C-alpha atoms as a PDB file:
ATOM      1  CA  MET A   1       0.071  -0.048  -0.211  1.00  0.00           C
ATOM      2  CA  THR A   2       1.357   3.395  -1.061  1.00  0.00           C
ATOM      3  CA  ALA A   3       1.750   5.794   1.953  1.00  0.00           C
ATOM      4  CA  GLU A   4       0.066   9.145   1.102  1.00  0.00           C
ATOM      5  CA  ILE A   5       2.539  12.079   1.039  1.00  0.00           C
ATOM      6  CA  TYR A   6       1.439  15.595   2.164  1.00  0.00           C
ATOM      7  CA  VAL A   7       2.692  18.977   1.623  1.00  0.00           C
ATOM      8  CA  ASN A   8       2.929  19.974   5.165  1.00  0.00           C
ATOM      9  CA  TYR A   9       1.890  18.931   8.573  1.00  0.00           C
ATOM     10  CA  GLN A  10      -1.263  21.199   8.783  1.00  0.00           C
ATOM     11  CA  GLU A  11      -2.468  19.421   5.551  1.00  0.00           C
ATOM     12  CA  MET A  12      -2.060  16.002   7.224  1.00  0.00           C
ATOM     13  CA  LEU A  13      -3.715  17.085  10.267  1.00  0.00           C
ATOM     14  CA  ALA A  14      -6.635  18.546   8.417  1.00  0.00           C
ATOM     15  CA  LYS A  15      -7.140  15.267   6.429  1.00  0.00           C
ATOM     16  CA  GLN A  16      -7.100  13.191   9.507  1.00  0.00           C
ATOM     17  CA  GLU A  17     -10.069  12.640  11.819  1.00  0.00           C
ATOM     18  CA  MET A  18      -9.283  13.472  15.519  1.00  0.00           C
ATOM     19  CA  PRO A  19     -10.673  15.226  18.473  1.00  0.00           C
ATOM     20  CA  LYS A  20     -10.367  19.088  18.376  1.00  0.00           C
ATOM     21  CA  GLY A  21      -8.483  19.008  21.598  1.00  0.00           C
ATOM     22  CA  ARG A  22      -5.800  16.555  20.222  1.00  0.00           C
ATOM     23  CA  ARG A  23      -5.363  18.744  17.086  1.00  0.00           C
ATOM     24  CA  LYS A  24      -5.108  21.988  19.207  1.00  0.00           C
ATOM     25  CA  VAL A  25      -2.468  20.261  21.338  1.00  0.00           C
ATOM     26  CA  LEU A  26      -0.524  19.057  18.485  1.00  0.00           C
ATOM     27  CA  LEU A  27      -0.509  22.506  16.586  1.00  0.00           C
ATOM     28  CA  THR A  28       0.335  24.403  19.842  1.00  0.00           C
ATOM     29  CA  GLY A  29       3.273  21.951  20.696  1.00  0.00           C
ATOM     30  CA  ILE A  30       4.856  22.724  17.259  1.00  0.00           C
ATOM     31  CA  GLU A  31       4.643  26.439  17.854  1.00  0.00           C
ATOM     32  CA  LEU A  32       6.009  26.331  21.351  1.00  0.00           C
ATOM     33  CA  PHE A  33       8.520  23.630  20.834  1.00  0.00           C
ATOM     34  CA  ALA A  34       9.933  25.413  17.944  1.00  0.00           C
ATOM     35  CA  GLU A  35      10.091  28.871  19.837  1.00  0.00           C
ATOM     36  CA  ASN A  36      11.227  27.790  23.109  1.00  0.00           C
ATOM     37  CA  GLY A  37      12.524  24.123  22.572  1.00  0.00           C
ATOM     38  CA  PHE A  38      11.306  21.087  24.009  1.00  0.00           C
ATOM     39  CA  ASP A  39      13.124  21.423  27.553  1.00  0.00           C
ATOM     40  CA  GLY A  40      12.046  25.069  27.559  1.00  0.00           C
ATOM     41  CA  THR A  41       8.314  24.318  27.110  1.00  0.00           C
ATOM     42  CA  SER A  42       6.139  22.972  29.867  1.00  0.00           C
ATOM     43  CA  THR A  43       2.826  21.139  29.505  1.00  0.00           C
ATOM     44  CA  SER A  44       1.093  23.981  31.372  1.00  0.00           C
ATOM     45  CA  GLN A  45       2.185  26.286  28.860  1.00  0.00           C
ATOM     46  CA  ILE A  46       0.897  24.305  25.958  1.00  0.00           C
ATOM     47  CA  ALA A  47      -2.307  23.868  27.832  1.00  0.00           C
ATOM     48  CA  ASN A  48      -2.599  27.695  28.435  1.00  0.00           C
ATOM     49  CA  ALA A  49      -1.961  28.479  24.797  1.00  0.00           C
ATOM     50  CA  ALA A  50      -4.034  25.858  23.171  1.00  0.00           C
ATOM     51  CA  GLY A  51      -6.925  26.809  25.541  1.00  0.00           C
ATOM     52  CA  VAL A  52      -7.295  23.370  27.104  1.00  0.00           C
ATOM     53  CA  SER A  53      -6.521  21.622  30.409  1.00  0.00           C
ATOM     54  CA  GLN A  54      -3.511  19.540  31.223  1.00  0.00           C
ATOM     55  CA  ALA A  55      -5.776  16.815  31.730  1.00  0.00           C
ATOM     56  CA  THR A  56      -6.568  16.976  27.978  1.00  0.00           C
ATOM     57  CA  ILE A  57      -2.919  16.773  26.959  1.00  0.00           C
ATOM     58  CA  PHE A  58      -2.390  13.785  29.168  1.00  0.00           C
ATOM     59  CA  LYS A  59      -5.625  12.088  27.751  1.00  0.00           C
ATOM     60  CA  TYR A  60      -4.110  12.071  24.381  1.00  0.00           C
ATOM     61  CA  PHE A  61      -0.337  11.838  25.174  1.00  0.00           C
ATOM     62  CA  LYS A  62       1.064   9.948  28.267  1.00  0.00           C
ATOM     63  CA  THR A  63       4.105  12.308  28.493  1.00  0.00           C
ATOM     64  CA  LYS A  64       5.331  15.593  27.087  1.00  0.00           C
ATOM     65  CA  LYS A  65       7.964  13.172  25.114  1.00  0.00           C
ATOM     66  CA  ASP A  66       5.061  11.229  23.424  1.00  0.00           C
ATOM     67  CA  LEU A  67       3.631  14.578  22.130  1.00  0.00           C
ATOM     68  CA  LEU A  68       7.088  15.434  20.737  1.00  0.00           C
ATOM     69  CA  ILE A  69       7.226  11.907  19.120  1.00  0.00           C
ATOM     70  CA  ALA A  70       3.800  12.317  17.567  1.00  0.00           C
ATOM     71  CA  ILE A  71       4.779  15.657  16.220  1.00  0.00           C
ATOM     72  CA  VAL A  72       8.030  14.657  14.524  1.00  0.00           C
ATOM     73  CA  SER A  73       7.410  11.230  13.369  1.00  0.00           C
ATOM     74  CA  PRO A  74       5.195  11.850  10.387  1.00  0.00           C
ATOM     75  CA  ILE A  75       7.623  14.502   9.152  1.00  0.00           C
ATOM     76  CA  VAL A  76      10.521  11.977   9.503  1.00  0.00           C
ATOM     77  CA  GLU A  77       8.501   9.486   7.517  1.00  0.00           C
ATOM     78  CA  GLN A  78       7.630  12.174   4.821  1.00  0.00           C
ATOM     79  CA  LEU A  79      10.951  13.842   4.609  1.00  0.00           C
ATOM     80  CA  PHE A  80      12.666  10.513   4.092  1.00  0.00           C
ATOM     81  CA  PRO A  81       9.888   8.343   2.460  1.00  0.00           C
ATOM     82  CA  VAL A  82      10.495   4.724   2.898  1.00  0.00           C
ATOM     83  CA  TYR A  83       7.709   3.437   0.734  1.00  0.00           C
ATOM     84  CA  ARG A  84       7.816   3.409  -3.078  1.00  0.00           C
ATOM     85  CA  ASP A  85       5.568   6.417  -3.240  1.00  0.00           C
ATOM     86  CA  GLU A  86       5.483   9.284  -5.532  1.00  0.00           C
ATOM     87  CA  PHE A  87       8.792  10.654  -4.375  1.00  0.00           C
ATOM     88  CA  PHE A  88      10.709   7.527  -4.948  1.00  0.00           C
ATOM     89  CA  GLY A  89       8.943   6.721  -8.153  1.00  0.00           C
ATOM     90  CA  ASN A  90       9.838  10.182  -9.556  1.00  0.00           C
ATOM     91  CA  LEU A  91      13.340   9.723  -8.202  1.00  0.00           C
ATOM     92  CA  GLN A  92      13.793   6.526  -9.834  1.00  0.00           C
ATOM     93  CA  HIS A  93      12.733   7.679 -13.220  1.00  0.00           C
ATOM     94  CA  GLN A  94      15.715  10.069 -13.398  1.00  0.00           C
ATOM     95  CA  THR A  95      18.052   9.133 -16.141  1.00  0.00           C
ATOM     96  CA  ASP A  96      21.383  10.718 -15.174  1.00  0.00           C
ATOM     97  CA  VAL A  97      23.040  12.069 -12.043  1.00  0.00           C
ATOM     98  CA  GLN A  98      22.316  15.775 -12.724  1.00  0.00           C
ATOM     99  CA  LYS A  99      18.625  15.125 -12.908  1.00  0.00           C
ATOM    100  CA  ILE A 100      18.556  12.905  -9.730  1.00  0.00           C
ATOM    101  CA  ILE A 101      20.307  15.592  -7.742  1.00  0.00           C
ATOM    102  CA  HIS A 102      18.260  18.353  -9.132  1.00  0.00           C
ATOM    103  CA  PHE A 103      15.105  16.633  -8.230  1.00  0.00           C
ATOM    104  CA  ILE A 104      16.158  15.809  -4.630  1.00  0.00           C
ATOM    105  CA  VAL A 105      17.405  19.173  -4.105  1.00  0.00           C
ATOM    106  CA  TYR A 106      14.421  21.000  -5.162  1.00  0.00           C
ATOM    107  CA  ASP A 107      11.855  18.566  -4.013  1.00  0.00           C
ATOM    108  CA  ARG A 108      13.214  17.745  -0.452  1.00  0.00           C
ATOM    109  CA  PHE A 109      14.045  21.551   0.306  1.00  0.00           C
ATOM    110  CA  GLU A 110      10.272  22.430  -0.607  1.00  0.00           C
ATOM    111  CA  PHE A 111       9.044  19.900   1.840  1.00  0.00           C
ATOM    112  CA  ILE A 112      11.552  21.246   4.438  1.00  0.00           C
ATOM    113  CA  SER A 113      10.516  24.892   4.000  1.00  0.00           C
ATOM    114  CA  GLN A 114       6.787  23.722   4.177  1.00  0.00           C
ATOM    115  CA  ASN A 115       7.384  22.321   7.583  1.00  0.00           C
ATOM    116  CA  ALA A 116      10.056  24.733   8.880  1.00  0.00           C
ATOM    117  CA  GLU A 117       8.956  24.837  12.335  1.00  0.00           C
ATOM    118  CA  ILE A 118       8.756  20.872  12.748  1.00  0.00           C
ATOM    119  CA  VAL A 119      12.198  20.540  11.159  1.00  0.00           C
ATOM    120  CA  LYS A 120      13.859  23.023  13.444  1.00  0.00           C
ATOM    121  CA  ILE A 121      12.373  21.079  16.469  1.00  0.00           C
ATOM    122  CA  LEU A 122      13.643  17.685  14.736  1.00  0.00           C
ATOM    123  CA  LEU A 123      17.178  19.160  14.070  1.00  0.00           C
ATOM    124  CA  THR A 124      17.438  20.547  17.618  1.00  0.00           C
ATOM    125  CA  GLU A 125      16.232  17.326  19.380  1.00  0.00           C
ATOM    126  CA  LEU A 126      18.331  15.120  17.219  1.00  0.00           C
ATOM    127  CA  LEU A 127      21.461  16.327  19.011  1.00  0.00           C
ATOM    128  CA  THR A 128      20.504  14.966  22.195  1.00  0.00           C
ATOM    129  CA  ASP A 129      17.545  12.362  21.745  1.00  0.00           C
ATOM    130  CA  LYS A 130      18.681   8.761  21.178  1.00  0.00           C
ATOM    131  CA  GLU A 131      14.943   7.709  20.484  1.00  0.00           C
ATOM    132  CA  LEU A 132      14.821  10.274  17.657  1.00  0.00           C
ATOM    133  CA  ILE A 133      18.103   9.303  16.215  1.00  0.00           C
ATOM    134  CA  SER A 134      17.053   5.750  16.061  1.00  0.00           C
ATOM    135  CA  LYS A 135      13.770   6.553  14.311  1.00  0.00           C
ATOM    136  CA  VAL A 136      15.599   8.429  11.885  1.00  0.00           C
ATOM    137  CA  ALA A 137      18.084   5.795  11.253  1.00  0.00           C
ATOM    138  CA  ASN A 138      15.247   3.199  10.883  1.00  0.00           C
ATOM    139  CA  VAL A 139      13.635   5.134   8.248  1.00  0.00           C
ATOM    140  CA  ILE A 140      16.742   5.547   6.247  1.00  0.00           C
ATOM    141  CA  ILE A 141      18.264   2.033   6.496  1.00  0.00           C
ATOM    142  CA  GLY A 142      15.157   0.113   7.472  1.00  0.00           C
ATOM    143  CA  THR A 143      14.955  -2.276  10.535  1.00  0.00           C
ATOM    144  CA  ASP A 144      15.342  -6.273  10.605  1.00  0.00           C
ATOM    145  CA  ASP A 145      12.672  -6.910  13.356  1.00  0.00           C
ATOM    146  CA  ASP A 146       9.783  -5.413  11.532  1.00  0.00           C
ATOM    147  CA  GLN A 147      11.030  -6.774   8.149  1.00  0.00           C
ATOM    148  CA  LYS A 148      11.016  -3.496   6.568  1.00  0.00           C
ATOM    149  CA  ALA A 149      14.797  -3.373   5.846  1.00  0.00           C
ATOM    150  CA  GLU A 150      14.205  -3.697   2.118  1.00  0.00           C
ATOM    151  CA  LYS A 151      12.154  -0.617   2.121  1.00  0.00           C
ATOM    152  CA  GLY A 152      14.872   1.702   3.761  1.00  0.00           C
ATOM    153  CA  ILE A 153      16.271   4.251   1.405  1.00  0.00           C
ATOM    154  CA  ALA A 154      19.606   2.531   1.286  1.00  0.00           C
ATOM    155  CA  ALA A 155      17.948  -0.483  -0.194  1.00  0.00           C
ATOM    156  CA  THR A 156      15.709   1.441  -2.500  1.00  0.00           C
ATOM    157  CA  LEU A 157      18.620   3.581  -3.989  1.00  0.00           C
ATOM    158  CA  GLY A 158      21.484   1.313  -3.826  1.00  0.00           C
ATOM    159  CA  GLN A 159      21.075  -0.296  -7.059  1.00  0.00           C
ATOM    160  CA  GLN A 160      20.566   2.865  -8.902  1.00  0.00           C
ATOM    161  CA  ILE A 161      23.628   4.427  -7.362  1.00  0.00           C
ATOM    162  CA  THR A 162      25.823   1.336  -8.360  1.00  0.00           C
ATOM    163  CA  GLU A 163      24.551   1.929 -11.966  1.00  0.00           C
ATOM    164  CA  PHE A 164      25.531   5.395 -12.109  1.00  0.00           C
ATOM    165  CA  GLN A 165      28.915   4.579 -10.673  1.00  0.00           C
ATOM    166  CA  GLN A 166      29.405   1.959 -13.266  1.00  0.00           C
ATOM    167  CA  ARG A 167      28.676   4.430 -15.852  1.00  0.00           C
ATOM    168  CA  GLY A 168      31.412   6.838 -14.355  1.00  0.00           C
ATOM    169  CA  GLU A 169      28.803   9.330 -13.239  1.00  0.00           C
ATOM    170  CA  ILE A 170      29.521   9.152  -9.584  1.00  0.00           C
ATOM    171  CA  TYR A 171      32.790   8.504  -7.785  1.00  0.00           C
ATOM    172  CA  ALA A 172      33.328   4.670  -7.602  1.00  0.00           C
ATOM    173  CA  ASP A 173      34.707   5.015  -3.946  1.00  0.00           C
ATOM    174  CA  LEU A 174      31.661   6.721  -2.572  1.00  0.00           C
ATOM    175  CA  ALA A 175      29.232   4.706  -0.448  1.00  0.00           C
ATOM    176  CA  LEU A 176      25.538   5.680  -0.503  1.00  0.00           C
ATOM    177  CA  LEU A 177      25.954   7.311   2.934  1.00  0.00           C
ATOM    178  CA  ASP A 178      28.856   9.391   2.017  1.00  0.00           C
ATOM    179  CA  ILE A 179      26.505  10.674  -0.867  1.00  0.00           C
ATOM    180  CA  GLY A 180      23.353  10.975   1.473  1.00  0.00           C
ATOM    181  CA  ARG A 181      25.624  13.027   3.782  1.00  0.00           C
ATOM    182  CA  THR A 182      26.637  15.477   1.356  1.00  0.00           C
ATOM    183  CA  ILE A 183      23.069  16.086   0.114  1.00  0.00           C
ATOM    184  CA  VAL A 184      21.611  16.140   3.600  1.00  0.00           C
ATOM    185  CA  GLY A 185      24.421  18.473   4.782  1.00  0.00           C
ATOM    186  CA  GLN A 186      24.111  20.740   2.204  1.00  0.00           C
ATOM    187  CA  LEU A 187      20.312  21.305   2.506  1.00  0.00           C
ATOM    188  CA  PHE A 188      20.100  21.350   6.173  1.00  0.00           C
ATOM    189  CA  ALA A 189      22.861  23.766   6.399  1.00  0.00           C
ATOM    190  CA  TYR A 190      20.952  25.965   3.958  1.00  0.00           C
ATOM    191  CA  PHE A 191      17.908  25.732   5.940  1.00  0.00           C
ATOM    192  CA  PHE A 192      19.810  26.517   9.249  1.00  0.00           C
ATOM    193  CA  GLN A 193      21.203  29.551   7.462  1.00  0.00           C
ATOM    194  CA  THR A 194      17.980  30.983   6.000  1.00  0.00           C
ATOM    195  CA  GLU A 195      15.617  29.931   8.922  1.00  0.00           C
ATOM    196  CA  VAL A 196      17.849  30.464  11.853  1.00  0.00           C
ATOM    197  CA  LEU A 197      20.927  32.663  11.479  1.00  0.00           C
ATOM    198  CA  MET A 198      19.399  35.156   9.011  1.00  0.00           C
ATOM    199  CA  ALA A 199      15.680  34.511   9.249  1.00  0.00           C
ATOM    200  CA  GLN A 200      15.150  38.303   8.605  1.00  0.00           C
ATOM    201  CA  MET A 201      17.102  38.644   5.426  1.00  0.00           C
ATOM    202  CA  GLN A 202      15.533  37.771   2.218  1.00  0.00           C
ATOM    203  CA  ALA A 203      17.369  34.789   0.510  1.00  0.00           C
ATOM    204  CA  ASN A 204      17.624  34.351  -3.053  1.00  0.00           C
ATOM    205  CA  GLU A 205      16.221  30.489  -3.045  1.00  0.00           C
ATOM    206  CA  PRO A 206      16.281  29.713  -6.891  1.00  0.00           C
ATOM    207  CA  ARG A 207      20.090  30.849  -7.055  1.00  0.00           C
ATOM    208  CA  ASP A 208      20.999  29.482  -3.888  1.00  0.00           C
ATOM    209  CA  LEU A 209      19.575  26.112  -4.642  1.00  0.00           C
ATOM    210  CA  SER A 210      21.235  25.758  -7.998  1.00  0.00           C
ATOM    211  CA  GLN A 211      24.377  26.556  -6.192  1.00  0.00           C
ATOM    212  CA  ILE A 212      23.704  23.941  -3.950  1.00  0.00           C
ATOM    213  CA  GLU A 213      23.009  21.552  -6.466  1.00  0.00           C
ATOM    214  CA  GLN A 214      26.225  22.355  -8.299  1.00  0.00           C
ATOM    215  CA  GLN A 215      28.262  21.744  -5.044  1.00  0.00           C
ATOM    216  CA  ILE A 216      26.841  18.380  -4.444  1.00  0.00           C
ATOM    217  CA  LEU A 217      27.433  17.379  -8.110  1.00  0.00           C
ATOM    218  CA  ARG A 218      31.209  18.418  -7.911  1.00  0.00           C
ATOM    219  CA  ALA A 219      31.445  16.477  -4.581  1.00  0.00           C
ATOM    220  CA  ILE A 220      30.192  13.305  -5.855  1.00  0.00           C
ATOM    221  CA  SER A 221      30.546  13.325  -9.689  1.00  0.00           C
ATOM    222  CA  PRO A 222      33.912  13.207 -11.957  1.00  0.00           C
ATOM    223  CA  LYS A 223      31.682  14.824 -14.642  1.00  0.00           C
ATOM    224  CA  TYR A 224      31.571  18.258 -12.918  1.00  0.00           C
END
């Protein structure tokens, strides 16, 4: 079954049936976690801002950590789509290394931008939260215990990357994780620059993404 892909978290919530109280808590949690950090936000603050009681929060989420996981998990799964959905279908139809990098850069940065608040939360918490690190790793490489290893990004793209390497379009000594680190590093560095360091300055996104695309290509391909 193909997983449905959403443009942003708000669209996902709008399409899901859930009690109004739960939806209010999720949306308020996003806002306050992004503004104050997970540790800097209390459930009482969330309750006050959402206009609900703390009992309502704990009715739907056993702990504040459970609320955090409920917020970031769907974004992790959509940011690194595991299933052979529209994203991977389009990705696997790219015929050369330039087209595949162009598609990844523009498609994934659009998704990151649409979910900027949650991505900020995710990046901050990944520095210290082992549970989130494990969740992201499982999405990227799959897991053995739930028999989804073949659906991980590594398994899905490994053969395609090998073919590019055999054709001389990607350096033969680069592992898939090396390539992934280059792409992810460039995109998230730009996101941090534009959304955190220079949030008040207007970026030239088309020019910047074009430069990022070229930097990635030069790092992974002998053709550039």
